[in-house]
Structures are given as C-alpha cells and as structure tokens.
Protein backbone atom coordinates (compact mmCIF):
# COMPACT_ATOMS: atom_id res chain seq x y z
CA MET A 1 -83.65 57.63 52.84
CA ALA A 2 -80.90 55.02 52.82
CA SER A 3 -83.53 52.28 52.50
CA ASN A 4 -85.09 54.00 49.45
CA ASP A 5 -81.65 54.40 47.89
CA GLU A 6 -80.92 50.72 48.33
CA GLN A 7 -84.19 49.78 46.59
CA ARG A 8 -83.82 52.30 43.75
CA PRO A 9 -81.99 50.75 40.76
CA LEU A 10 -78.70 52.22 39.64
CA HIS A 11 -79.31 54.75 36.84
CA LEU A 12 -76.78 55.18 34.01
CA LEU A 13 -77.02 57.83 31.30
CA PHE A 14 -75.33 56.94 27.99
CA PHE A 15 -74.44 59.81 25.66
CA PRO A 16 -72.85 58.45 22.44
CA PHE A 17 -71.02 60.45 19.79
CA VAL A 18 -72.77 61.20 16.50
CA ALA A 19 -71.35 58.32 14.41
CA PRO A 20 -72.63 54.75 13.86
CA GLY A 21 -69.39 53.25 15.17
CA HIS A 22 -69.98 55.04 18.49
CA LEU A 23 -73.76 54.65 18.67
CA ILE A 24 -73.99 50.89 18.11
CA PRO A 25 -71.64 49.76 20.93
CA VAL A 26 -73.42 52.12 23.34
CA ALA A 27 -76.74 50.43 22.53
CA ASP A 28 -74.98 47.10 23.11
CA MET A 29 -73.62 48.36 26.43
CA ALA A 30 -77.04 49.41 27.64
CA ALA A 31 -78.25 45.92 26.71
CA LEU A 32 -75.42 44.54 28.85
CA PHE A 33 -76.23 46.58 31.96
CA ALA A 34 -80.06 46.43 31.84
CA PRO A 35 -80.33 42.69 32.66
CA ARG A 36 -78.23 43.38 35.77
CA GLY A 37 -81.06 45.57 37.07
CA VAL A 38 -79.56 48.89 35.93
CA LYS A 39 -81.87 51.61 34.62
CA CYS A 40 -80.30 52.74 31.33
CA SER A 41 -81.07 55.98 29.47
CA ILE A 42 -79.57 56.81 26.07
CA LEU A 43 -79.55 60.43 24.91
CA ALA A 44 -79.31 61.10 21.15
CA THR A 45 -80.50 63.46 18.43
CA PRO A 46 -83.37 62.20 16.20
CA VAL A 47 -81.33 60.91 13.23
CA ASN A 48 -78.79 59.24 15.51
CA ALA A 49 -81.51 57.73 17.69
CA ALA A 50 -82.97 56.12 14.56
CA VAL A 51 -79.67 54.27 13.98
CA ILE A 52 -80.04 52.30 17.22
CA ARG A 53 -83.80 52.29 17.83
CA SER A 54 -84.35 48.78 16.45
CA ALA A 55 -81.45 47.43 18.54
CA VAL A 56 -82.93 49.01 21.68
CA ASP A 57 -86.37 47.60 20.83
CA ARG A 58 -84.93 44.11 20.34
CA ALA A 59 -83.11 44.30 23.66
CA ASN A 60 -86.22 45.47 25.48
CA ASP A 61 -88.27 42.67 23.91
CA ALA A 62 -85.69 40.12 25.01
CA PHE A 63 -85.54 41.43 28.60
CA ARG A 64 -89.27 42.04 29.16
CA SER A 65 -90.01 38.54 30.47
CA ALA A 66 -87.07 38.74 32.89
CA GLY A 67 -88.39 41.91 34.48
CA ALA A 68 -85.30 43.99 33.63
CA PRO A 69 -85.72 47.79 33.44
CA ALA A 70 -86.52 48.94 29.90
CA ILE A 71 -83.80 50.91 28.13
CA ASP A 72 -85.04 54.46 27.53
CA LEU A 73 -83.99 56.16 24.29
CA SER A 74 -84.54 59.91 24.70
CA THR A 75 -84.11 62.40 21.87
CA ILE A 76 -82.83 65.96 21.94
CA PRO A 77 -82.88 68.45 19.02
CA PHE A 78 -79.79 68.64 16.85
CA PRO A 79 -78.35 72.20 17.02
CA ASP A 80 -78.95 74.40 14.01
CA VAL A 81 -75.43 75.17 12.83
CA GLY A 82 -76.00 75.36 9.07
CA LEU A 83 -75.69 71.68 8.15
CA PRO A 84 -78.27 70.37 5.65
CA PRO A 85 -81.49 68.94 7.15
CA GLY A 86 -81.01 65.35 8.27
CA VAL A 87 -77.22 65.63 8.57
CA GLU A 88 -76.59 65.00 12.25
CA SER A 89 -73.48 62.82 12.17
CA VAL A 90 -70.10 62.36 10.57
CA VAL A 91 -71.68 60.11 7.94
CA GLY A 92 -73.18 63.05 6.04
CA LEU A 93 -70.10 65.31 6.02
CA SER A 94 -68.77 66.21 2.57
CA SER A 95 -66.33 69.09 3.22
CA GLU A 96 -64.04 70.71 5.76
CA ALA A 97 -66.71 73.37 6.28
CA ASP A 98 -69.15 70.62 7.27
CA ARG A 99 -66.61 69.28 9.74
CA TYR A 100 -66.28 72.67 11.44
CA MET A 101 -70.06 73.01 11.65
CA LEU A 102 -70.34 69.57 13.23
CA LEU A 103 -67.74 70.54 15.83
CA GLU A 104 -69.82 73.59 16.67
CA ALA A 105 -72.93 71.42 17.02
CA ILE A 106 -71.06 69.08 19.36
CA LYS A 107 -70.19 72.03 21.64
CA ARG A 108 -73.86 73.06 21.76
CA LEU A 109 -74.94 69.60 22.91
CA ARG A 110 -73.49 70.45 26.33
CA GLU A 111 -76.65 72.37 27.29
CA PRO A 112 -79.20 69.53 26.78
CA PHE A 113 -76.73 67.08 28.37
CA GLY A 114 -76.52 69.26 31.48
CA ARG A 115 -80.29 69.71 31.53
CA PHE A 116 -80.82 65.93 31.53
CA LEU A 117 -78.37 65.56 34.43
CA ALA A 118 -80.19 68.25 36.40
CA ASP A 119 -83.65 66.81 35.72
CA HIS A 120 -82.90 63.10 36.19
CA ARG A 121 -79.79 62.97 38.41
CA PRO A 122 -78.37 59.66 37.15
CA ASP A 123 -75.77 57.85 39.24
CA ALA A 124 -73.22 58.15 36.44
CA ALA A 125 -72.95 59.41 32.88
CA VAL A 126 -71.19 57.30 30.25
CA ALA A 127 -70.30 60.10 27.83
CA ASP A 128 -68.29 59.66 24.66
CA SER A 129 -64.68 60.79 24.80
CA PHE A 130 -65.38 63.02 21.79
CA TYR A 131 -67.44 65.21 24.15
CA PRO A 132 -64.45 66.48 26.16
CA TRP A 133 -66.64 69.07 27.89
CA ALA A 134 -68.71 66.24 29.41
CA ALA A 135 -66.23 65.74 32.28
CA ASP A 136 -66.72 69.28 33.57
CA ALA A 137 -70.44 69.39 32.76
CA ALA A 138 -71.02 66.21 34.78
CA ALA A 139 -68.87 67.49 37.66
CA GLU A 140 -71.03 70.64 37.84
CA HIS A 141 -73.99 68.39 38.69
CA GLY A 142 -72.09 66.06 41.01
CA VAL A 143 -72.39 63.16 38.55
CA PRO A 144 -69.35 60.93 37.87
CA ARG A 145 -68.45 60.85 34.19
CA LEU A 146 -67.25 57.58 32.66
CA SER A 147 -65.63 58.10 29.27
CA PHE A 148 -66.14 55.67 26.39
CA LEU A 149 -64.72 55.93 22.89
CA GLY A 150 -65.29 52.45 21.50
CA SER A 151 -61.64 51.95 20.53
CA SER A 152 -59.06 49.40 21.67
CA MET A 153 -56.98 49.89 24.81
CA PHE A 154 -53.93 49.20 22.65
CA GLY A 155 -54.88 52.00 20.26
CA ARG A 156 -55.68 54.47 23.04
CA ALA A 157 -52.41 53.67 24.82
CA CYS A 158 -50.48 54.20 21.58
CA HIS A 159 -52.22 57.50 20.94
CA ASP A 160 -51.62 58.60 24.53
CA SER A 161 -47.90 57.96 24.00
CA LEU A 162 -48.00 59.90 20.73
CA LEU A 163 -49.73 62.88 22.36
CA ARG A 164 -47.37 62.99 25.34
CA ASN A 165 -44.10 62.44 23.46
CA ASN A 166 -44.82 63.60 19.89
CA PRO A 167 -41.88 61.79 18.21
CA LEU A 168 -43.13 63.16 14.86
CA GLU A 169 -41.94 66.65 15.77
CA GLU A 170 -38.32 65.97 14.88
CA LEU A 171 -39.00 64.20 11.58
CA ASP A 172 -39.09 65.52 8.03
CA PRO A 173 -42.83 66.07 7.37
CA ASP A 174 -42.45 64.75 3.81
CA ASP A 175 -40.61 61.53 4.75
CA THR A 176 -43.59 59.17 4.94
CA ASP A 177 -41.34 56.08 5.26
CA ALA A 178 -39.57 57.29 8.43
CA VAL A 179 -40.03 54.83 11.30
CA VAL A 180 -41.75 56.29 14.37
CA SER A 181 -41.35 54.49 17.70
CA LEU A 182 -43.80 55.10 20.55
CA PRO A 183 -42.16 54.82 23.98
CA GLY A 184 -43.48 53.55 27.29
CA LEU A 185 -45.77 50.76 26.08
CA PRO A 186 -45.97 47.06 27.03
CA HIS A 187 -45.03 46.08 23.45
CA ARG A 188 -42.60 47.62 21.00
CA VAL A 189 -44.69 49.84 18.74
CA ALA A 190 -43.22 51.32 15.58
CA LEU A 191 -45.10 52.55 12.53
CA ARG A 192 -44.16 54.37 9.37
CA LYS A 193 -44.84 58.08 9.52
CA GLY A 194 -47.28 57.83 6.62
CA GLN A 195 -49.48 55.56 8.74
CA MET A 196 -49.99 58.19 11.43
CA MET A 197 -51.84 61.46 11.80
CA ASP A 198 -49.33 64.29 11.40
CA PRO A 199 -50.03 67.17 13.83
CA ARG A 200 -48.38 69.68 11.48
CA LYS A 201 -50.88 68.82 8.76
CA ASN A 202 -53.87 68.14 11.05
CA GLU A 203 -53.53 70.81 13.73
CA LEU A 204 -57.26 70.92 14.52
CA GLU A 205 -57.44 67.15 15.04
CA TRP A 206 -54.25 67.15 17.14
CA GLU A 207 -55.48 69.88 19.50
CA PHE A 208 -58.88 68.21 19.80
CA ASP A 209 -57.24 64.87 20.66
CA LYS A 210 -55.24 66.57 23.42
CA LEU A 211 -58.48 67.98 24.85
CA VAL A 212 -60.05 64.51 24.73
CA ASN A 213 -57.11 62.87 26.48
CA ALA A 214 -57.01 65.49 29.24
CA ALA A 215 -60.78 65.22 29.82
CA ASP A 216 -60.61 61.44 30.02
CA ARG A 217 -57.88 61.74 32.65
CA ARG A 218 -60.14 64.01 34.73
CA SER A 219 -63.08 61.63 34.51
CA TYR A 220 -64.15 59.11 37.14
CA GLY A 221 -62.90 56.33 34.88
CA GLU A 222 -62.96 54.81 31.39
CA LEU A 223 -64.90 51.93 29.85
CA PHE A 224 -63.49 49.81 27.03
CA ASN A 225 -65.22 47.48 24.62
CA SER A 226 -62.57 44.83 25.09
CA PHE A 227 -61.53 41.97 27.36
CA ALA A 228 -58.37 41.26 29.29
CA GLU A 229 -57.25 38.28 27.20
CA LEU A 230 -57.50 40.27 23.95
CA GLU A 231 -55.07 43.02 24.93
CA PRO A 232 -52.53 41.41 27.26
CA GLY A 233 -50.85 43.86 29.58
CA TYR A 234 -52.86 46.93 28.61
CA ALA A 235 -55.37 47.00 31.48
CA GLU A 236 -52.38 46.85 33.85
CA HIS A 237 -50.61 49.53 31.79
CA TYR A 238 -53.60 51.85 32.12
CA ARG A 239 -54.10 51.22 35.83
CA THR A 240 -50.50 51.15 36.99
CA THR A 241 -48.33 53.07 34.50
CA LEU A 242 -50.90 55.71 33.49
CA GLY A 243 -52.76 55.76 36.81
CA ARG A 244 -56.19 55.63 35.15
CA ARG A 245 -59.29 53.73 36.33
CA VAL A 246 -60.59 51.36 33.65
CA TRP A 247 -63.22 48.66 33.28
CA LEU A 248 -63.28 46.22 30.36
CA VAL A 249 -66.86 45.30 29.44
CA GLY A 250 -66.58 43.58 26.04
CA PRO A 251 -67.03 42.13 23.58
CA LEU A 252 -70.29 44.11 23.57
CA ALA A 253 -71.26 42.58 20.22
CA HIS A 254 -72.20 39.36 22.05
CA ALA A 255 -75.33 41.10 23.36
CA ARG A 256 -76.34 42.10 19.83
CA LYS A 257 -75.61 38.67 18.37
CA ASP A 258 -77.73 36.94 20.99
CA SER A 259 -80.70 39.31 20.64
CA ALA A 260 -80.55 39.17 16.83
CA ALA A 261 -80.48 35.37 16.90
CA SER A 262 -83.57 35.30 19.11
CA GLY A 263 -85.59 37.62 16.83
CA GLY A 264 -87.52 40.50 18.31
CA ALA A 265 -88.45 43.89 16.97
CA GLY A 266 -86.87 45.12 13.77
CA GLY A 267 -86.21 41.84 11.92
CA LEU A 268 -83.88 41.50 8.95
CA ALA A 269 -84.71 43.16 5.65
CA PRO A 270 -85.66 40.73 2.85
CA GLU A 271 -82.42 41.50 0.95
CA ALA A 272 -80.32 40.69 4.03
CA GLU A 273 -82.21 37.41 4.50
CA ARG A 274 -81.58 36.55 0.85
CA CYS A 275 -77.86 37.10 1.30
CA LEU A 276 -77.77 34.84 4.35
CA ARG A 277 -79.50 32.15 2.30
CA TRP A 278 -76.76 32.61 -0.33
CA LEU A 279 -74.19 31.86 2.36
CA ASP A 280 -76.17 28.73 3.30
CA GLY A 281 -75.32 27.32 -0.12
CA LYS A 282 -71.55 27.74 0.25
CA PRO A 283 -69.08 25.28 1.84
CA ASP A 284 -67.70 25.97 5.30
CA GLY A 285 -64.87 28.51 5.36
CA SER A 286 -65.07 29.19 1.61
CA VAL A 287 -66.29 32.82 1.58
CA VAL A 288 -64.22 35.96 2.15
CA TYR A 289 -66.30 38.80 3.61
CA VAL A 290 -65.32 42.34 2.55
CA SER A 291 -66.44 45.53 4.29
CA PHE A 292 -64.76 48.90 4.89
CA GLY A 293 -67.28 50.29 7.41
CA THR A 294 -69.60 53.27 7.25
CA LEU A 295 -67.06 56.12 6.99
CA ALA A 296 -64.43 54.92 4.52
CA ARG A 297 -64.31 56.51 1.07
CA VAL A 298 -62.88 53.95 -1.32
CA THR A 299 -61.72 55.37 -4.67
CA ALA A 300 -62.65 53.82 -8.01
CA ALA A 301 -59.02 52.74 -8.48
CA GLU A 302 -59.06 50.97 -5.10
CA LEU A 303 -62.38 49.29 -5.86
CA ARG A 304 -60.98 48.02 -9.12
CA GLU A 305 -57.91 46.50 -7.45
CA ALA A 306 -60.05 44.99 -4.67
CA ALA A 307 -62.22 43.36 -7.35
CA ARG A 308 -59.13 42.07 -9.15
CA GLY A 309 -57.88 40.68 -5.86
CA LEU A 310 -61.14 38.82 -5.29
CA GLN A 311 -60.99 37.47 -8.85
CA GLN A 312 -57.42 36.25 -8.49
CA SER A 313 -57.94 34.74 -5.04
CA GLY A 314 -60.33 32.17 -6.46
CA ARG A 315 -62.47 32.48 -3.32
CA ASN A 316 -66.20 33.03 -3.01
CA PHE A 317 -66.88 36.54 -1.74
CA PHE A 318 -69.52 38.63 0.01
CA TRP A 319 -68.72 42.33 -0.54
CA VAL A 320 -70.59 45.05 1.36
CA MET A 321 -70.61 48.52 -0.18
CA SER A 322 -72.22 51.77 0.92
CA GLU A 323 -74.97 53.32 -1.16
CA SER A 324 -72.58 56.16 -2.04
CA ASP A 325 -69.82 53.95 -3.47
CA THR A 326 -68.98 54.44 -7.15
CA GLU A 327 -71.13 52.70 -9.74
CA GLY A 328 -69.66 49.43 -11.02
CA SER A 329 -69.23 50.67 -14.59
CA GLN A 330 -66.46 52.98 -13.36
CA TRP A 331 -64.34 50.34 -11.64
CA MET A 332 -65.29 46.76 -12.50
CA PRO A 333 -62.43 44.89 -14.20
CA GLU A 334 -63.10 42.63 -17.17
CA GLY A 335 -64.91 39.44 -16.19
CA PHE A 336 -65.96 40.64 -12.73
CA ALA A 337 -69.57 41.40 -13.65
CA GLU A 338 -70.04 37.77 -14.70
CA LEU A 339 -68.98 36.60 -11.22
CA ILE A 340 -71.73 38.59 -9.52
CA ASP A 341 -74.44 38.47 -12.19
CA THR A 342 -75.06 34.79 -11.54
CA GLU A 343 -73.98 35.09 -7.87
CA GLU A 344 -72.15 31.79 -8.32
CA ARG A 345 -68.81 33.16 -7.05
CA GLY A 346 -69.78 36.37 -5.34
CA ILE A 347 -72.38 38.84 -4.19
CA ILE A 348 -72.31 42.63 -3.72
CA PHE A 349 -74.59 43.99 -1.03
CA ARG A 350 -75.31 47.73 -0.88
CA GLY A 351 -76.41 49.30 2.40
CA TRP A 352 -76.44 48.04 5.97
CA ALA A 353 -75.59 44.34 6.32
CA PRO A 354 -76.12 42.15 9.42
CA GLN A 355 -72.38 41.82 9.97
CA MET A 356 -72.49 39.78 13.18
CA LEU A 357 -74.75 37.16 11.58
CA ILE A 358 -72.59 37.06 8.46
CA LEU A 359 -69.32 36.65 10.37
CA ASN A 360 -70.83 33.90 12.50
CA HIS A 361 -71.99 31.97 9.44
CA SER A 362 -69.96 28.79 8.94
CA ALA A 363 -69.35 29.65 5.25
CA VAL A 364 -67.24 32.71 6.12
CA GLY A 365 -63.52 31.98 6.38
CA GLY A 366 -61.91 35.43 6.21
CA PHE A 367 -62.69 39.13 6.59
CA VAL A 368 -61.10 41.96 4.56
CA THR A 369 -61.50 44.90 6.94
CA HIS A 370 -60.57 48.55 7.47
CA CYS A 371 -59.70 47.59 11.08
CA GLY A 372 -62.39 49.65 12.78
CA TRP A 373 -62.51 48.38 16.36
CA ASN A 374 -66.15 47.26 16.20
CA SER A 375 -65.42 45.14 13.14
CA VAL A 376 -62.28 43.69 14.72
CA LEU A 377 -64.19 42.67 17.84
CA GLU A 378 -67.03 41.16 15.82
CA ALA A 379 -64.51 39.07 13.87
CA VAL A 380 -62.75 38.02 17.08
CA SER A 381 -66.09 37.04 18.61
CA ALA A 382 -66.83 34.90 15.55
CA GLY A 383 -63.35 33.34 15.29
CA VAL A 384 -62.78 34.74 11.78
CA PRO A 385 -59.21 35.66 10.71
CA LEU A 386 -58.58 39.10 9.23
CA VAL A 387 -57.07 40.64 6.12
CA THR A 388 -56.18 44.14 7.31
CA TRP A 389 -56.55 47.27 5.19
CA PRO A 390 -56.52 50.27 7.60
CA ARG A 391 -57.43 53.76 6.45
CA HIS A 392 -57.16 56.34 9.28
CA ALA A 393 -57.96 57.11 12.96
CA ASP A 394 -56.98 54.21 15.27
CA GLN A 395 -57.04 51.63 12.49
CA PHE A 396 -53.27 51.33 11.95
CA TYR A 397 -52.84 50.71 15.69
CA ASN A 398 -55.53 48.04 15.54
CA GLU A 399 -53.75 46.44 12.60
CA MET A 400 -50.56 46.21 14.66
CA LEU A 401 -52.47 44.50 17.48
CA ILE A 402 -53.97 42.01 15.01
CA LEU A 403 -50.74 41.22 13.15
CA ASP A 404 -47.95 41.55 15.71
CA VAL A 405 -49.56 40.81 19.09
CA LEU A 406 -52.49 38.48 18.41
CA ARG A 407 -51.26 37.04 15.07
CA ILE A 408 -54.77 36.45 13.72
CA GLY A 409 -54.43 38.10 10.34
CA VAL A 410 -52.37 39.25 7.36
CA GLY A 411 -51.99 42.83 6.09
CA VAL A 412 -52.29 44.07 2.51
CA GLY A 413 -49.50 46.60 3.15
CA ALA A 414 -51.50 49.81 3.62
CA GLY A 415 -49.28 52.80 4.36
CA CYS A 416 -51.43 55.91 3.81
CA TYR A 417 -53.30 57.63 6.67
CA ALA A 418 -56.21 59.53 5.08
CA SER A 419 -59.80 60.17 6.16
CA LYS A 420 -62.72 60.22 3.74
CA LEU A 421 -62.23 63.97 3.28
CA ASP A 422 -58.52 63.61 2.46
CA VAL A 423 -56.94 62.80 -0.89
CA ARG A 424 -55.70 59.19 -0.96
CA GLY A 425 -52.94 58.52 -3.45
CA GLU A 426 -52.18 54.94 -2.40
CA VAL A 427 -53.63 52.01 -4.36
CA ILE A 428 -52.94 48.43 -3.18
CA SER A 429 -52.53 46.01 -6.09
CA GLY A 430 -55.02 43.22 -6.76
CA GLU A 431 -52.14 40.72 -6.66
CA LYS A 432 -51.23 41.78 -3.10
CA ILE A 433 -54.87 41.61 -1.99
CA ALA A 434 -55.31 38.11 -3.44
CA GLU A 435 -52.06 36.97 -1.80
CA SER A 436 -53.19 38.27 1.60
CA ILE A 437 -56.61 36.60 1.32
CA ASN A 438 -55.02 33.26 0.52
CA LYS A 439 -52.57 33.61 3.40
CA VAL A 440 -55.47 33.43 5.86
CA MET A 441 -57.76 31.06 3.91
CA GLY A 442 -55.19 28.74 2.34
CA ASP A 443 -54.09 25.24 3.29
CA ASP A 444 -50.47 25.92 4.29
CA GLU A 445 -49.14 25.91 7.85
CA GLU A 446 -49.17 29.70 8.22
CA ALA A 447 -52.86 29.93 7.30
CA ARG A 448 -53.81 27.04 9.57
CA MET A 449 -51.97 28.65 12.50
CA ILE A 450 -53.70 32.00 11.95
CA ARG A 451 -57.11 30.30 11.88
CA LYS A 452 -56.27 28.25 14.97
CA LYS A 453 -55.36 31.38 16.93
CA ALA A 454 -58.57 33.10 15.78
CA ILE A 455 -60.68 30.18 17.00
CA GLU A 456 -58.86 30.12 20.35
CA LEU A 457 -59.45 33.84 20.81
CA CYS A 458 -63.14 33.37 19.98
CA GLY A 459 -63.45 30.96 22.93
CA LYS A 460 -61.73 33.45 25.23
CA ALA A 461 -64.10 36.21 24.07
CA ARG A 462 -67.13 34.12 24.97
CA SER A 463 -65.66 33.13 28.34
CA ALA A 464 -64.91 36.78 29.21
CA THR A 465 -68.60 37.74 29.13
CA GLU A 466 -69.91 34.63 30.90
CA LYS A 467 -70.43 34.54 34.66
CA GLY A 468 -67.03 34.58 36.35
CA GLY A 469 -65.27 35.86 33.22
CA SER A 470 -62.99 38.90 33.22
CA SER A 471 -65.46 41.31 31.58
CA TYR A 472 -68.43 39.94 33.55
CA ASN A 473 -66.52 40.62 36.76
CA ASP A 474 -65.52 44.15 35.65
CA VAL A 475 -69.19 45.01 35.04
CA GLU A 476 -70.14 43.65 38.46
CA GLN A 477 -67.34 45.58 40.12
CA LEU A 478 -68.35 48.85 38.43
CA ILE A 479 -71.98 48.45 39.50
CA LYS A 480 -70.90 47.78 43.09
CA GLU A 481 -68.59 50.82 43.11
CA LEU A 482 -71.27 53.14 41.79
CA MET A 483 -73.84 51.81 44.26
CA ALA A 484 -71.35 52.28 47.12
CA ARG A 485 -70.63 55.81 45.91
CA ARG A 486 -74.33 56.65 45.90
CA SER A 487 -74.71 55.35 49.45
CA SER A 488 -71.82 57.53 50.63
CA VAL A 489 -73.17 60.71 49.05
CA ASP A 490 -75.38 62.88 51.22
CA VAL A 491 -78.50 63.23 49.07
C-alpha cells in the first residue's frame, strides 16, 4: 500500500468563490501545481466554469508535451435560490435581495463539495475563504483544508486586526474623517474612517468576515498569491505573531502570462488583437492604462472626471470599461469624443481585455487601478507604476501597501468605501486625476524614482517564481508536507 501511495500523484481539489477575481487566480494556481506532477481538480458551477475554461485549456495544451497531469474542471449545478437564470456569481447581482440569495446559494454548495471529497478523496482541498463552512466539511472527510482568498497578506493582516480590536466601535459613526489606527502590525497602519467598512452600517458583512477569519484559523493553512519580497515582514507576522501556517505561491499571473504568450486554446478575440496593435504604434511608456475591474460601478459623474483627467494629462490612454458602464453621451466631456474617434490619443475597450498582455506591452507606462489584488500583482509583475483609486473591500489596504510601503504609485485621494450596491457620493476631480497620472509618468525625480522601484520589484517577482526563489520553494515545501501527511495517514 505504501508503494502505491508513493507512486500515486498528489491530488489537490480547488474550490474557488463565485467571482472572476477569485476564479482566475485559482486557475493560475492549478497551472502552477500541475507541472510539478500534482493532479489538480477545479470544482465550479457552469457559468463560473466558463470564466476559466479557456485558461485551463491553454494550460493543459502547454503541459501536454511535458507529461504533466491534465487539470480537470468539474461542474456542479448552481443551487436554485431564486436568482435569474445565468446569474451564478457576484457579477450579476443588482440588489440587496440578490446578495442574500447568493449567500444562501453559497451555503448550499457545501453538499456537492462534501460529495466530491467523499467520492475522490483528494489529499487536500484549497477552498476559498468565502466558504467558511469548508473547514468543517473537509474535516468531516479527513481532508486538510487550505484556505485561499486571493488578497494580499498585508490586507488580510489589517482586516484581522480590525476584526479582533474593532477600533471603530468608539468613534462617531458619522465622522468619516476620523483617523483609525490598527494595532499589532509590522507597519503603522492608519486610515480615515470613511475608507473602511463600518460594522454598524454593514452588520451582515462584519459577521460574515468574523466567520471567515475563524474558519481560516481552524484550517490546515493558508495560501497567498504573493511573494516574500512584496510584503516584507508579513509572512513572519502571520507565522509568528498570529500563529498561522502560510505558504506564498505568487505571483500566479506569471503562469497565465507565459501560457498566453505561447498561444494555445482560446486565442485572443479580434478586437483584443486590434487593441494590442494600437499599442504597437505608441512610443514606449507613453500610454496610461485604465481599468476598474469587473465589480466596480463607476457613476456617470466619475466617468466624466476620469475622462477630463485623461484629457488634461496629455497622455495616450487605453481605457477598459464593462459592457454595463454608462453610454458615452451621458458623461463624455467636450472634446473627448474626438480623442477616441480617430484613436490618435486614446481607445476605449468594452468587455474583457487581456490585461497581462497589455500591462507587459512596452507602450504602457502607468495603470489607473481600483487596487484589486489581482490587478496590483499583474502591474507589479510587469513593472508598471500605479495610480490608485480604491473603491471597497481590501482595496484601501492595498493602496496603503502600494503608496506607503512599496512606494510604486500615487493616489488620487479616494476616501469613500462603497461597493457597487452602495450609493457613492464622492467624485474625484479631473485635475487631481491628471496630476496623479503625471506624477508617475512625468520626467521629474519623484516619477523616475517610482518607476525605478516598480522595475526593481518586477525583477523580484520573476525571481520569486523561478527555481530557488521564495515562492518556488514554498510550493515545493507544501507539496512535500502534504505527501508526508498522506504517508503518515493509515489509509
């Protein structure tokens, strides 16, 4: 029996949360483990599986000649909770009622998750932190649960401090400018109250986050899409101060960049290829890339000021918008349509854009971002400095890491924490946006230093995932630990 166990490849089950920002890094992670001889299964509902199917196909095409185990993408039905047909993720939510129904669906996913564990008995389950029941469900089947949220260690450590200490409790709930300090962290962290989720106004989210944190503490360990050099002191903080087992396996986007560059299944759409050709015609470092991710709701007033900022910056721009963003007639300032009609100065792209390829294009010299962790890591991996415009969730924490710890960007001065379902009253002026863009793309000493640090960090990101690098070694160590655990278990 021991001999068969030694020959049988390690089997990992990946169970991502129902949101693109959680699904995509999990597909990247499977593509990281599979070439190491690990059998990888991904469990998802049909609509969510479709988000990552082409990435899984590309990875399998790339690994086929090397004899690596194929990544298996298995689908399970989405629970019938009253959401409209085809709405299986946070992307399609349009009301608080929808949010409650999605939470109910998430609870019901426990049954098919447990059934997969019983039928296939993987050596470990990498289950999203937003499935807090996964820790107990895995334990019932004797399977170690590794949690993964796809956020920064810095952001998770800050939120852990917030949950344990709740310094907001003593503050006036209406004083959005009050400074909130988070104790017990490697760096001094202080934000304005308006930049943080208020538990008195978001009781459901607060209680859910406490459940998530407690479940992660009970798990076998936690995986982070990060690398040691990016978040100095935070792996040690987790392991020593918080007493939690962690492995840093990023930047996971490197796997996607490499497979996309080599072709494979699911090539680029013609419109995406046209946009990359547009970049080919621009000078190095001359284009500012603008994208607010898949979940941000940007108001018409904000779009107008962003457009004014791009006008006033004088820079070429590549602006990605979602299909649901407001039509241009409702927000375009005077003269802006002329800039994009000829595509001489700028281009607006609606839908999914190949962000890694865009950021790695030599023409791109800056990135206006909502500070979602995937976008931050993709920019870091490409050596592109950031103009930060956080919206909600962990994004204000990520902004602090970018501005105060790493010093690879400039903020527009965002101060309002609001999800896409919340009312956002804040509008950043076009003048401030233009000023921030030029502070990272300009010719003065400050801009040159920011770009220099971004390039240096890009080299460290690449080194971390190469043989002997910090993330490479963490992956190897995790595989060895799980193999040793399997050998010690009486099957």
